[in-house]
Amino acid sequence: MRHLSASRMLLGATMLLALGSNPLATTRAQDPAPPVASRDALYEELANEMALIERQARLLKRVVNLIRPTIVHIEASKRDLPNRRALEEAGSGIIIQHKGEHYVITNGHVIADATADSISIKLNNGRTLRPKRTWIDEATDIAVLKVSGTGLIASRLGNSRDVDIGDFVLAVGSPFGLSHSVTFGIVSAKGRRDLQLGSKAFKYQEFIQTDAAINPGNSGGPLLNLKGEVIGINTAIASSSGGNEGIGFSVPINMAMFVAERLIEEGVVKRAFLGVTLDASYSPEDAFTLGLNRFEGARVSRTQPGSAAELAQIRSGDVLLEFDGVRIEDDNHLINCVGMTDIGKQVSIGILRDGKMMTLAVKVSQRQ
């Protein structure tokens, strides 16, 4: 994996701008060579454009140098019980700090079925640590490992709500065991849900999609913005060959940290519960009939007795359009928003009822 991919992409973009709309601008060999004075001017233009590219490349290098100490390489020895053979799993992770102690966030599948003493965490400076304790949340494929040691540097976390399609991003990980490899790309999409990734369908999905190369071994590594902030945890790829094909998925860092903090503090992730059954037949035609300009929201078919929804007087037929300030796109989006809310928190819910917009206050309860 080449570390110069970012510079090459930027160079290509700048060259296209310089060439303008004529793709034959550099191929017309029959044109006479420009006079010396013109050639000198062209060289000067190229030098100015190259200076811009070099400034952009230096930015990427600064980001990479800044974040390297916060990223770890993980190796886990496992036992394949049916076949009675040893397996080695490699991945990546980021160091975080929570209430004065250090932890590593990675993917659950990287350390699944491995004991703490069979997991090694290699730092950027070559030191190796063993986790003191591990936790896994299978519903999101997020794992946390407690570590201790001198000189540990925590990652700076961004806000994944601020991520937009088209943002430039860096993916760092250990593809094919090559630790601290860096690739460059953009955010291709947000809010990817209901994906079947491998043999598991994770219940809570809100993936950021990127074309930054993610290959086997990148799991658990960070997706970063150009400010060096972690905005996602690289988790999976969509591929027919098993390698990178430009479609990678990352768990948003807000979701990952919600899970990580609860694993650290409670050992499990207790999720909030609204108490509604959603109407799977709700369609774009229904949305337009109800007066919406586009298909959005989640329609309630019934509320469960004694639930938070019933207490808040949510009714069958209501279309839930907003939850705690977030515009709801579909059923799975609502489930994610509720599941990533603190139990007992009072939130506002925007609904469409009988053609009118309303706002209700709901205190979410704990899922039983």
Foldseek 3Di string as FASTA:
>chain_A
DDPCQVLVVVVVVLVDVVQDPDPCSPPPVVDDDDDPVVVVVVVVVVVVSVVVSVVVVVLVVVLLVVQQQFKKKKWAWAAPVVVGDIDIAIAMWGWADDPHFIKTKFFQVRHPRGDQVRMWIAGSVGDIWTFPDKAADQLQRMMMTGTDDPPRDGFAADALVPADFFAKKKQFWQAVNNHGDIWIWTFHDWQDAPDDFPPDHRLADTWTWWQTWDARGHGHTFIGGSVSHGQWGWHGADDPVRGRPRTTITHGVLQNVLQVVCCVPPVGQWFWDQFFDWDPPDDQVNCVVLPHPGQFFTFTQQGDPPFQNVVQVPGHGKGWQDKQHRGGGYDSSVVNVRRSDDQQDWIWIWIADSSDIDITITGIHTDD
